[in-house]
Amino acid sequence: MKKITLFIFAAVLMSAAIATSCWKVTLPEEPAVLVGNQEGTLTAGVPGVVTFPVVTANIAGGSYTVSVADLPTGMSVSGNVTISSDNGTLTLTGNTTTVAGVYSNLILHLDDTPSPPFTLAISSPSLESVTVVWSNTSLAYSSTPQAPTATAVTSLGESLPLIVTGAQTAAGSGYTANGRLADRFAQHDPKFGRGRQLQQLFDQPARRTLAHH
């Protein structure tokens, strides 16, 4: 009787152990991507490159073609992201159409895995000087109103056309032409990204004395 009881007890223990081991299932961990803080600076309207450290988990090492959602105007991904020992580098390139701002909703997609949002900062340029370049200042009489042309060249090497007013038919040697920025630049045209700052520097009209002959 004791042998039968011990046998049954042992069988119950074995069944319990088997049942317990069946519930010990290890699920694979989910892949993850994290993008760190920006390294380097970008200035609006000026070509440049910035990088971001990338940390991964449960993603195989290798070179990955990646994309970044919600990149601002003028920004693009440069090359692949190579993952080695769960680390890599994301490179972003800006061209002349970038606009100053803080863009905090960017998402990196690597190996079909999205990252949490990360931030890209593009700073406003610091303009120090504007030079006005005049051309066509010696005009031959043609019986029609004429005026020279003018261009504003910033300290960053950017050229912006000026509107020249006061065309004359026979101005004489003492006539002065006036140049000013176009309104679209003064209102911060995104193409240049610096219209408002340039307008502040250009607080007085450019003037040029004409000579007709």
Foldseek 3Di string as FASTA:
>chain_A
DVVVVVVVVVVVVVVVVVVVVVPPDDDDDDKAKAWAAKDDAAAAQAKDKIKIKMFMDPDDFAWWDKAKPPDDPQKGWDGTWTADPRITMTMMIGHRLGAFDKDFAIWMQTPNHIHGTGIDGYHYDDWDDKDKDWPPQEAEQDQDFDDTWIWIATPVGDIATWDKDDTDRAQAQADKIWTDGDVCLCVQPSSRNCSVVVCVNPVDTDMDGGHYD
